[in-house]
C-alpha atoms as a PDB file:
ATOM      1  CA  MET A   1     -11.073  -5.309  15.748  1.00  0.00           C
ATOM      2  CA  GLY A   2     -11.292  -8.568  13.861  1.00  0.00           C
ATOM      3  CA  GLY A   3     -12.350 -10.249  10.656  1.00  0.00           C
ATOM      4  CA  TYR A   4      -8.931 -10.333   9.031  1.00  0.00           C
ATOM      5  CA  TYR A   5      -8.323 -12.224   5.814  1.00  0.00           C
ATOM      6  CA  ALA A   6      -4.800 -13.298   4.991  1.00  0.00           C
ATOM      7  CA  GLU A   7      -3.109 -15.985   2.955  1.00  0.00           C
ATOM      8  CA  VAL A   8       0.197 -17.184   4.423  1.00  0.00           C
ATOM      9  CA  ILE A   9       3.022 -18.334   2.150  1.00  0.00           C
ATOM     10  CA  GLY A  10       6.417 -19.706   3.205  1.00  0.00           C
ATOM     11  CA  SER A  11       8.091 -20.076   6.581  1.00  0.00           C
ATOM     12  CA  GLY A  12      10.541 -18.108   8.684  1.00  0.00           C
ATOM     13  CA  THR A  13      10.487 -14.553  10.004  1.00  0.00           C
ATOM     14  CA  PRO A  14       7.018 -13.086   9.365  1.00  0.00           C
ATOM     15  CA  ILE A  15       6.451 -10.426   6.734  1.00  0.00           C
ATOM     16  CA  LEU A  16       3.152  -8.592   6.366  1.00  0.00           C
ATOM     17  CA  PHE A  17       2.274  -7.511   2.822  1.00  0.00           C
ATOM     18  CA  LEU A  18      -0.320  -4.720   2.606  1.00  0.00           C
ATOM     19  CA  PRO A  19      -1.710  -4.091  -0.904  1.00  0.00           C
ATOM     20  CA  ALA A  20      -2.866  -1.021  -2.771  1.00  0.00           C
ATOM     21  CA  GLY A  21      -6.461   0.137  -2.630  1.00  0.00           C
ATOM     22  CA  GLY A  22      -8.616  -1.885  -4.988  1.00  0.00           C
ATOM     23  CA  PHE A  23      -6.384  -4.948  -4.677  1.00  0.00           C
ATOM     24  CA  THR A  24      -6.460  -7.952  -2.368  1.00  0.00           C
ATOM     25  CA  GLY A  25      -3.370  -9.524  -0.875  1.00  0.00           C
ATOM     26  CA  GLU A  26      -3.051 -11.346  -4.210  1.00  0.00           C
ATOM     27  CA  GLU A  27      -1.183  -8.257  -5.412  1.00  0.00           C
ATOM     28  CA  GLY A  28       1.829  -9.404  -3.403  1.00  0.00           C
ATOM     29  CA  ARG A  29       1.835 -13.055  -4.457  1.00  0.00           C
ATOM     30  CA  SER A  30       4.764 -12.791  -6.856  1.00  0.00           C
ATOM     31  CA  LEU A  31       6.844 -11.158  -4.115  1.00  0.00           C
ATOM     32  CA  ALA A  32       5.771 -13.808  -1.597  1.00  0.00           C
ATOM     33  CA  GLU A  33       6.857 -16.594  -3.937  1.00  0.00           C
ATOM     34  CA  LYS A  34      10.321 -15.047  -4.150  1.00  0.00           C
ATOM     35  CA  LEU A  35      10.556 -14.606  -0.372  1.00  0.00           C
ATOM     36  CA  ARG A  36       8.957 -17.843   0.815  1.00  0.00           C
ATOM     37  CA  ASP A  37      12.178 -19.789   1.345  1.00  0.00           C
ATOM     38  CA  ASP A  38      13.328 -17.344   4.027  1.00  0.00           C
ATOM     39  CA  PHE A  39      10.145 -15.693   5.267  1.00  0.00           C
ATOM     40  CA  GLU A  40       6.544 -16.359   6.228  1.00  0.00           C
ATOM     41  CA  VAL A  41       4.623 -13.862   4.114  1.00  0.00           C
ATOM     42  CA  HIS A  42       1.127 -12.818   5.208  1.00  0.00           C
ATOM     43  CA  LEU A  43      -0.825 -11.470   2.222  1.00  0.00           C
ATOM     44  CA  LEU A  44      -3.461  -9.342   3.947  1.00  0.00           C
ATOM     45  CA  ASP A  45      -6.621  -7.805   2.529  1.00  0.00           C
ATOM     46  CA  LEU A  46      -7.012  -4.240   3.802  1.00  0.00           C
ATOM     47  CA  PRO A  47      -9.954  -3.426   6.107  1.00  0.00           C
ATOM     48  CA  GLY A  48     -13.105  -2.906   4.057  1.00  0.00           C
ATOM     49  CA  PHE A  49     -11.342  -3.849   0.819  1.00  0.00           C
ATOM     50  CA  GLY A  50     -11.676  -7.479  -0.161  1.00  0.00           C
ATOM     51  CA  ARG A  51     -12.336 -10.027   2.557  1.00  0.00           C
ATOM     52  CA  SER A  52     -11.140  -8.232   5.695  1.00  0.00           C
ATOM     53  CA  GLU A  53     -13.764  -6.599   7.884  1.00  0.00           C
ATOM     54  CA  GLY A  54     -13.818  -2.814   7.680  1.00  0.00           C
ATOM     55  CA  ILE A  55     -13.177  -0.282  10.439  1.00  0.00           C
ATOM     56  CA  ARG A  56     -16.547   1.142  11.478  1.00  0.00           C
ATOM     57  CA  GLN A  57     -15.359   4.533  12.700  1.00  0.00           C
ATOM     58  CA  VAL A  58     -13.614   7.648  11.454  1.00  0.00           C
ATOM     59  CA  VAL A  59     -10.089   6.470  10.673  1.00  0.00           C
ATOM     60  CA  ASP A  60      -6.836   8.258  11.364  1.00  0.00           C
ATOM     61  CA  ALA A  61      -3.237   7.026  11.356  1.00  0.00           C
ATOM     62  CA  LYS A  62      -3.537   5.575  14.853  1.00  0.00           C
ATOM     63  CA  GLN A  63      -6.533   3.432  13.857  1.00  0.00           C
ATOM     64  CA  MET A  64      -4.600   2.202  10.810  1.00  0.00           C
ATOM     65  CA  ALA A  65      -1.671   1.300  13.041  1.00  0.00           C
ATOM     66  CA  ASP A  66      -3.920  -0.351  15.625  1.00  0.00           C
ATOM     67  CA  TRP A  67      -5.532  -2.486  12.926  1.00  0.00           C
ATOM     68  CA  VAL A  68      -2.153  -3.923  11.891  1.00  0.00           C
ATOM     69  CA  ASN A  69      -0.946  -4.282  15.465  1.00  0.00           C
ATOM     70  CA  ASP A  70      -4.083  -6.197  16.440  1.00  0.00           C
ATOM     71  CA  TYR A  71      -3.336  -8.723  13.701  1.00  0.00           C
ATOM     72  CA  VAL A  72       0.281  -9.066  14.857  1.00  0.00           C
ATOM     73  CA  VAL A  73      -0.656  -9.491  18.514  1.00  0.00           C
ATOM     74  CA  THR A  74      -3.583 -11.844  17.861  1.00  0.00           C
ATOM     75  CA  HIS A  75      -1.391 -14.158  15.786  1.00  0.00           C
ATOM     76  CA  ARG A  76       1.538 -13.861  18.213  1.00  0.00           C
ATOM     77  CA  LEU A  77       3.927 -12.914  15.458  1.00  0.00           C
ATOM     78  CA  GLY A  78       6.284 -10.805  17.552  1.00  0.00           C
ATOM     79  CA  SER A  79       8.185  -8.121  15.667  1.00  0.00           C
ATOM     80  CA  VAL A  80       7.698  -8.339  11.896  1.00  0.00           C
ATOM     81  CA  HIS A  81       8.913  -7.024   8.595  1.00  0.00           C
ATOM     82  CA  VAL A  82       6.295  -5.011   6.707  1.00  0.00           C
ATOM     83  CA  ILE A  83       5.988  -4.410   2.965  1.00  0.00           C
ATOM     84  CA  GLY A  84       3.318  -2.000   1.734  1.00  0.00           C
ATOM     85  CA  HIS A  85       2.310  -0.599  -1.630  1.00  0.00           C
ATOM     86  CA  SER A  86       0.310   2.602  -2.201  1.00  0.00           C
ATOM     87  CA  LEU A  87      -2.636   2.649   0.268  1.00  0.00           C
ATOM     88  CA  GLY A  88      -1.154  -0.412   1.952  1.00  0.00           C
ATOM     89  CA  GLY A  89       2.149   1.434   2.178  1.00  0.00           C
ATOM     90  CA  ALA A  90       0.441   4.280   4.032  1.00  0.00           C
ATOM     91  CA  VAL A  91      -1.044   1.782   6.501  1.00  0.00           C
ATOM     92  CA  ALA A  92       2.386   0.161   6.894  1.00  0.00           C
ATOM     93  CA  LEU A  93       3.943   3.581   7.459  1.00  0.00           C
ATOM     94  CA  ALA A  94       1.384   4.434  10.166  1.00  0.00           C
ATOM     95  CA  PHE A  95       2.110   1.106  11.883  1.00  0.00           C
ATOM     96  CA  ALA A  96       5.881   1.681  11.780  1.00  0.00           C
ATOM     97  CA  VAL A  97       5.567   5.192  13.232  1.00  0.00           C
ATOM     98  CA  HIS A  98       3.131   4.271  16.019  1.00  0.00           C
ATOM     99  CA  TYR A  99       4.568   0.829  16.841  1.00  0.00           C
ATOM    100  CA  PRO A 100       8.281   1.007  15.947  1.00  0.00           C
ATOM    101  CA  GLU A 101       9.101  -1.740  18.455  1.00  0.00           C
ATOM    102  CA  GLN A 102       6.927  -4.133  16.447  1.00  0.00           C
ATOM    103  CA  VAL A 103       8.666  -3.488  13.114  1.00  0.00           C
ATOM    104  CA  LYS A 104      12.023  -5.004  12.224  1.00  0.00           C
ATOM    105  CA  ARG A 105      12.262  -3.473   8.770  1.00  0.00           C
ATOM    106  CA  LEU A 106       9.872  -1.577   6.515  1.00  0.00           C
ATOM    107  CA  VAL A 107       9.724  -1.741   2.718  1.00  0.00           C
ATOM    108  CA  LEU A 108       7.674   0.989   1.031  1.00  0.00           C
ATOM    109  CA  LEU A 109       6.714   0.395  -2.588  1.00  0.00           C
ATOM    110  CA  ASP A 110       6.262   3.793  -4.239  1.00  0.00           C
ATOM    111  CA  GLN A 111       4.827   5.264  -1.049  1.00  0.00           C
ATOM    112  CA  GLY A 112       6.008   7.645   1.653  1.00  0.00           C
ATOM    113  CA  HIS A 113       7.696  10.340  -0.401  1.00  0.00           C
ATOM    114  CA  LYS A 114       4.750  12.153  -2.018  1.00  0.00           C
ATOM    115  CA  ALA A 115       1.599  13.718  -0.645  1.00  0.00           C
ATOM    116  CA  PHE A 116      -1.663  12.254  -1.928  1.00  0.00           C
ATOM    117  CA  PRO A 117      -3.371  14.571  -4.465  1.00  0.00           C
ATOM    118  CA  ARG A 118      -6.105  16.820  -3.048  1.00  0.00           C
ATOM    119  CA  VAL A 119      -8.319  15.922  -5.995  1.00  0.00           C
ATOM    120  CA  PRO A 120      -7.314  12.332  -6.862  1.00  0.00           C
ATOM    121  CA  LEU A 121      -8.750  12.093 -10.372  1.00  0.00           C
ATOM    122  CA  LYS A 122      -5.972   9.876 -11.752  1.00  0.00           C
ATOM    123  CA  GLU A 123      -6.278   7.531  -8.797  1.00  0.00           C
ATOM    124  CA  TYR A 124     -10.085   7.223  -8.542  1.00  0.00           C
ATOM    125  CA  GLY A 125     -11.488   8.575 -11.783  1.00  0.00           C
ATOM    126  CA  ILE A 126     -14.685  10.627 -11.516  1.00  0.00           C
ATOM    127  CA  PHE A 127     -15.125   9.531  -7.878  1.00  0.00           C
ATOM    128  CA  GLY A 128     -11.954  11.509  -7.136  1.00  0.00           C
ATOM    129  CA  LEU A 129     -13.954  14.734  -7.560  1.00  0.00           C
ATOM    130  CA  LEU A 130     -16.136  13.714  -4.615  1.00  0.00           C
ATOM    131  CA  VAL A 131     -13.384  12.506  -2.278  1.00  0.00           C
ATOM    132  CA  PRO A 132     -12.555  15.943  -0.742  1.00  0.00           C
ATOM    133  CA  LEU A 133     -16.249  16.677  -0.076  1.00  0.00           C
ATOM    134  CA  LEU A 134     -17.108  13.216   1.260  1.00  0.00           C
ATOM    135  CA  SER A 135     -13.994  13.121   3.411  1.00  0.00           C
ATOM    136  CA  GLY A 136     -14.948  16.412   5.044  1.00  0.00           C
ATOM    137  CA  ILE A 137     -18.542  15.275   5.594  1.00  0.00           C
ATOM    138  CA  SER A 138     -17.397  11.996   7.176  1.00  0.00           C
ATOM    139  CA  ARG A 139     -15.116  13.857   9.559  1.00  0.00           C
ATOM    140  CA  LEU A 140     -17.843  16.263  10.610  1.00  0.00           C
ATOM    141  CA  LEU A 141     -20.829  13.904  10.773  1.00  0.00           C
ATOM    142  CA  GLY A 142     -19.184  10.588  11.556  1.00  0.00           C
ATOM    143  CA  PRO A 143     -19.375   7.005  10.281  1.00  0.00           C
ATOM    144  CA  ARG A 144     -23.183   6.830   9.978  1.00  0.00           C
ATOM    145  CA  VAL A 145     -23.035   9.117   6.958  1.00  0.00           C
ATOM    146  CA  VAL A 146     -20.296   6.951   5.460  1.00  0.00           C
ATOM    147  CA  GLU A 147     -22.431   3.847   6.002  1.00  0.00           C
ATOM    148  CA  ARG A 148     -25.270   5.447   4.019  1.00  0.00           C
ATOM    149  CA  ILE A 149     -22.899   6.256   1.168  1.00  0.00           C
ATOM    150  CA  GLU A 150     -21.466   2.744   1.209  1.00  0.00           C
ATOM    151  CA  ARG A 151     -24.913   1.155   1.031  1.00  0.00           C
ATOM    152  CA  LYS A 152     -25.298   2.781  -2.375  1.00  0.00           C
ATOM    153  CA  MET A 153     -21.856   1.647  -3.515  1.00  0.00           C
ATOM    154  CA  VAL A 154     -21.399  -1.835  -2.025  1.00  0.00           C
ATOM    155  CA  SER A 155     -22.579  -4.648  -4.268  1.00  0.00           C
ATOM    156  CA  ASP A 156     -22.860  -8.402  -3.770  1.00  0.00           C
ATOM    157  CA  GLU A 157     -22.213  -8.990  -7.449  1.00  0.00           C
ATOM    158  CA  ARG A 158     -19.194 -11.115  -8.193  1.00  0.00           C
ATOM    159  CA  ALA A 159     -16.363  -9.269  -9.920  1.00  0.00           C
ATOM    160  CA  GLN A 160     -15.838 -10.249 -13.548  1.00  0.00           C
ATOM    161  CA  PRO A 161     -12.379 -11.103 -14.928  1.00  0.00           C
ATOM    162  CA  ILE A 162     -10.728  -8.153 -16.580  1.00  0.00           C
ATOM    163  CA  SER A 163     -11.139  -7.973 -20.354  1.00  0.00           C
ATOM    164  CA  ASP A 164      -8.140  -8.212 -22.680  1.00  0.00           C
ATOM    165  CA  GLU A 165      -8.676  -4.606 -23.734  1.00  0.00           C
ATOM    166  CA  ARG A 166      -8.745  -3.241 -20.163  1.00  0.00           C
ATOM    167  CA  PHE A 167      -5.750  -5.371 -19.202  1.00  0.00           C
ATOM    168  CA  GLN A 168      -3.719  -4.042 -22.113  1.00  0.00           C
ATOM    169  CA  MET A 169      -4.816  -0.499 -21.278  1.00  0.00           C
ATOM    170  CA  PHE A 170      -3.739  -0.908 -17.627  1.00  0.00           C
ATOM    171  CA  CYS A 171      -0.297  -2.213 -18.604  1.00  0.00           C
ATOM    172  CA  THR A 172       0.212   0.544 -21.175  1.00  0.00           C
ATOM    173  CA  LYS A 173      -0.836   3.266 -18.734  1.00  0.00           C
ATOM    174  CA  THR A 174       1.411   1.970 -15.951  1.00  0.00           C
ATOM    175  CA  GLY A 175       4.381   1.171 -18.178  1.00  0.00           C
ATOM    176  CA  LEU A 176       4.285  -2.571 -17.438  1.00  0.00           C
ATOM    177  CA  THR A 177       4.766  -5.563 -19.685  1.00  0.00           C
ATOM    178  CA  GLU A 178       1.760  -7.880 -19.846  1.00  0.00           C
ATOM    179  CA  ARG A 179       2.334 -10.821 -17.479  1.00  0.00           C
ATOM    180  CA  ASP A 180       0.176 -13.452 -15.824  1.00  0.00           C
ATOM    181  CA  GLU A 181       0.984 -12.284 -12.261  1.00  0.00           C
ATOM    182  CA  ILE A 182      -0.516  -8.874 -13.049  1.00  0.00           C
ATOM    183  CA  ARG A 183      -3.566 -10.340 -14.714  1.00  0.00           C
ATOM    184  CA  ARG A 184      -4.287 -12.632 -11.753  1.00  0.00           C
ATOM    185  CA  ALA A 185      -4.320  -9.667  -9.372  1.00  0.00           C
ATOM    186  CA  LEU A 186      -6.561  -7.647 -11.690  1.00  0.00           C
ATOM    187  CA  ASP A 187      -8.916 -10.598 -12.140  1.00  0.00           C
ATOM    188  CA  ALA A 188      -9.593 -10.667  -8.380  1.00  0.00           C
ATOM    189  CA  PRO A 189     -10.050  -7.000  -7.368  1.00  0.00           C
ATOM    190  CA  ALA A 190     -10.801  -6.038  -3.777  1.00  0.00           C
ATOM    191  CA  LYS A 191     -14.492  -5.262  -3.567  1.00  0.00           C
ATOM    192  CA  LEU A 192     -15.430  -2.291  -1.449  1.00  0.00           C
ATOM    193  CA  GLY A 193     -17.121  -3.407   1.776  1.00  0.00           C
ATOM    194  CA  GLN A 194     -18.602  -1.735   4.846  1.00  0.00           C
ATOM    195  CA  GLY A 195     -15.941   0.455   6.451  1.00  0.00           C
ATOM    196  CA  GLY A 196     -13.764   0.617   3.354  1.00  0.00           C
ATOM    197  CA  LEU A 197     -14.487   4.299   2.784  1.00  0.00           C
ATOM    198  CA  ASN A 198     -13.390   5.072   6.344  1.00  0.00           C
ATOM    199  CA  LEU A 199      -9.936   3.738   5.472  1.00  0.00           C
ATOM    200  CA  LEU A 200      -9.915   5.571   2.152  1.00  0.00           C
ATOM    201  CA  PHE A 201     -10.799   8.895   3.762  1.00  0.00           C
ATOM    202  CA  GLY A 202      -8.257   8.300   6.546  1.00  0.00           C
ATOM    203  CA  PHE A 203      -5.588   7.846   3.901  1.00  0.00           C
ATOM    204  CA  TYR A 204      -6.747  10.974   2.099  1.00  0.00           C
ATOM    205  CA  ARG A 205      -6.299  13.011   5.292  1.00  0.00           C
ATOM    206  CA  LEU A 206      -2.922  11.503   6.188  1.00  0.00           C
ATOM    207  CA  ASP A 207       0.099  13.770   5.764  1.00  0.00           C
ATOM    208  CA  VAL A 208       2.303  11.021   4.361  1.00  0.00           C
ATOM    209  CA  PRO A 209       5.614  12.945   3.939  1.00  0.00           C
ATOM    210  CA  THR A 210       5.385  14.232   7.531  1.00  0.00           C
ATOM    211  CA  PHE A 211       4.881  10.675   8.800  1.00  0.00           C
ATOM    212  CA  THR A 212       7.835   9.490   6.730  1.00  0.00           C
ATOM    213  CA  ARG A 213      10.040  12.120   8.345  1.00  0.00           C
ATOM    214  CA  SER A 214       9.051  10.591  11.715  1.00  0.00           C
ATOM    215  CA  LEU A 215      10.369   7.127  10.858  1.00  0.00           C
ATOM    216  CA  GLN A 216      12.692   5.446  13.341  1.00  0.00           C
ATOM    217  CA  VAL A 217      12.853   1.952  11.827  1.00  0.00           C
ATOM    218  CA  PRO A 218      15.172   0.932   8.958  1.00  0.00           C
ATOM    219  CA  THR A 219      13.255   1.543   5.748  1.00  0.00           C
ATOM    220  CA  LEU A 220      13.745   0.679   2.093  1.00  0.00           C
ATOM    221  CA  LEU A 221      11.888   3.008  -0.273  1.00  0.00           C
ATOM    222  CA  VAL A 222      11.588   1.626  -3.804  1.00  0.00           C
ATOM    223  CA  TYR A 223      10.026   4.293  -6.005  1.00  0.00           C
ATOM    224  CA  GLY A 224       9.152   4.788  -9.655  1.00  0.00           C
ATOM    225  CA  ASP A 225      10.685   7.850 -11.314  1.00  0.00           C
ATOM    226  CA  PHE A 226       7.885   8.123 -13.949  1.00  0.00           C
ATOM    227  CA  ILE A 227      10.438   9.400 -16.475  1.00  0.00           C
ATOM    228  CA  GLY A 228       9.094   8.877 -19.975  1.00  0.00           C
ATOM    229  CA  LEU A 229       5.712   7.889 -18.553  1.00  0.00           C
ATOM    230  CA  ASP A 230       4.278  11.017 -16.908  1.00  0.00           C
ATOM    231  CA  ASP A 231       6.303  14.238 -17.002  1.00  0.00           C
ATOM    232  CA  LYS A 232       4.355  15.986 -14.241  1.00  0.00           C
ATOM    233  CA  GLU A 233       4.584  12.993 -11.923  1.00  0.00           C
ATOM    234  CA  ALA A 234       8.295  12.671 -12.698  1.00  0.00           C
ATOM    235  CA  ARG A 235       8.889  16.256 -11.577  1.00  0.00           C
ATOM    236  CA  LEU A 236       6.823  15.776  -8.409  1.00  0.00           C
ATOM    237  CA  THR A 237       8.703  12.570  -7.622  1.00  0.00           C
ATOM    238  CA  GLN A 238      12.133  14.121  -8.093  1.00  0.00           C
ATOM    239  CA  SER A 239      11.214  17.077  -5.891  1.00  0.00           C
ATOM    240  CA  ALA A 240       9.738  14.859  -3.165  1.00  0.00           C
ATOM    241  CA  ILE A 241      12.798  12.589  -3.036  1.00  0.00           C
ATOM    242  CA  LEU A 242      15.175  15.558  -2.888  1.00  0.00           C
ATOM    243  CA  ASP A 243      13.149  16.968  -0.010  1.00  0.00           C
ATOM    244  CA  LEU A 244      13.264  13.692   1.951  1.00  0.00           C
ATOM    245  CA  ARG A 245      16.999  13.366   1.407  1.00  0.00           C
ATOM    246  CA  GLU A 246      17.530  16.689   3.182  1.00  0.00           C
ATOM    247  CA  HIS A 247      16.519  14.952   6.416  1.00  0.00           C
ATOM    248  CA  GLU A 248      18.631  12.391   8.228  1.00  0.00           C
ATOM    249  CA  LEU A 249      16.271   9.435   7.978  1.00  0.00           C
ATOM    250  CA  PRO A 250      16.858   5.673   8.280  1.00  0.00           C
ATOM    251  CA  ILE A 251      15.879   5.234   4.623  1.00  0.00           C
ATOM    252  CA  THR A 252      17.668   3.517   1.758  1.00  0.00           C
ATOM    253  CA  TYR A 253      16.380   4.728  -1.612  1.00  0.00           C
ATOM    254  CA  ILE A 254      16.103   2.680  -4.796  1.00  0.00           C
ATOM    255  CA  ARG A 255      14.970   4.516  -7.914  1.00  0.00           C
ATOM    256  CA  MET A 256      13.341   2.513 -10.665  1.00  0.00           C
ATOM    257  CA  THR A 257      12.570   3.538 -14.212  1.00  0.00           C
ATOM    258  CA  GLY A 258       8.802   3.334 -14.573  1.00  0.00           C
ATOM    259  CA  GLY A 259       5.640   4.004 -12.661  1.00  0.00           C
ATOM    260  CA  HIS A 260       3.710   3.217  -9.510  1.00  0.00           C
ATOM    261  CA  PHE A 261       3.655  -0.601  -9.579  1.00  0.00           C
ATOM    262  CA  VAL A 262       7.371  -1.018  -8.921  1.00  0.00           C
ATOM    263  CA  HIS A 263       7.051  -4.605  -7.627  1.00  0.00           C
ATOM    264  CA  TRP A 264       5.652  -5.686 -11.026  1.00  0.00           C
ATOM    265  CA  ASN A 265       8.542  -4.131 -12.890  1.00  0.00           C
ATOM    266  CA  PRO A 266      10.726  -6.929 -14.397  1.00  0.00           C
ATOM    267  CA  ALA A 267      13.751  -5.035 -13.046  1.00  0.00           C
ATOM    268  CA  PHE A 268      12.469  -5.064  -9.445  1.00  0.00           C
ATOM    269  CA  PRO A 269      15.596  -5.449  -7.250  1.00  0.00           C
ATOM    270  CA  ILE A 270      14.548  -8.545  -5.305  1.00  0.00           C
ATOM    271  CA  GLU A 271      18.125  -9.377  -4.293  1.00  0.00           C
ATOM    272  CA  GLN A 272      18.590  -5.963  -2.679  1.00  0.00           C
ATOM    273  CA  VAL A 273      15.256  -6.396  -0.897  1.00  0.00           C
ATOM    274  CA  LEU A 274      16.384  -9.782   0.426  1.00  0.00           C
ATOM    275  CA  GLN A 275      19.671  -8.287   1.628  1.00  0.00           C
ATOM    276  CA  PHE A 276      17.781  -5.501   3.364  1.00  0.00           C
ATOM    277  CA  LEU A 277      15.370  -7.879   5.087  1.00  0.00           C
ATOM    278  CA  HIS A 278      18.284 -10.012   6.235  1.00  0.00           C
ATOM    279  CA  SER A 279      19.634  -6.864   7.932  1.00  0.00           C
ATOM    280  CA  GLN A 280      22.734  -6.698   5.817  1.00  0.00           C
ATOM    281  CA  LYS A 281      24.080  -3.265   5.118  1.00  0.00           C
ATOM    282  CA  ILE A 282      23.293  -1.984   1.634  1.00  0.00           C
ATOM    283  CA  SER A 283      25.522   0.565  -0.009  1.00  0.00           C
ATOM    284  CA  GLY A 284      25.433   2.405  -3.272  1.00  0.00           C
ATOM    285  CA  LEU A 285      21.663   2.061  -3.826  1.00  0.00           C
ATOM    286  CA  ARG A 286      19.918   5.057  -5.360  1.00  0.00           C
END
């Protein structure tokens, strides 16, 4: 493996930040700026999304974990903290389950409690209708088929800055206030590259809640409750959290009012995150 792209901010104990699909490591910049005095934050682009080289094979959780571990070993980071959002959170989760000795503490940003939809229309738009079919084909026929699909989708065209209208629409849909940190991340989306679909399909096939129930490392799960934003998602979230709480897991839960992009919520509990990363016991967090 190779071809990693990361921007490093701050100094101290290393933290890996793994972004959502469609975003580069820039998504975690505002978090990195708040953590930089105590930690060395590595803002990574995911494989095949942005500037990191893709994984040219059928991807499962072990390949996701190996990809992260290779970065850690190559850069001689030792054991690390890991923060992951959405798709990046699933990769972080796979790493923590397969390489628990490499992970000091894990922070999951609205990831780990819910299964990914079988037909991910809200997540991927019209392409979501094709994901189940293409995922099955890639598993049966291998990465060569995926490469053919990607050749039709990958473009060398430079991404254009997001328009005011689309930016406002994104913030309204996700329940966020319009801020520069969000716009900067949206202005520099992660372009799909060769091998990106392998990661996407690997995520689609990953049984996320089952992996979460296998966690051994101390974990902080910060999740959006979607109340007042999406009634169906709010019900799914409540049910998923109740189910996880039935198991004795090393997880501290923090519920936030709002949606999926919890780290962009003005009320994001950065002080509690800092306490958690400094290995101080947290009590009374829900």
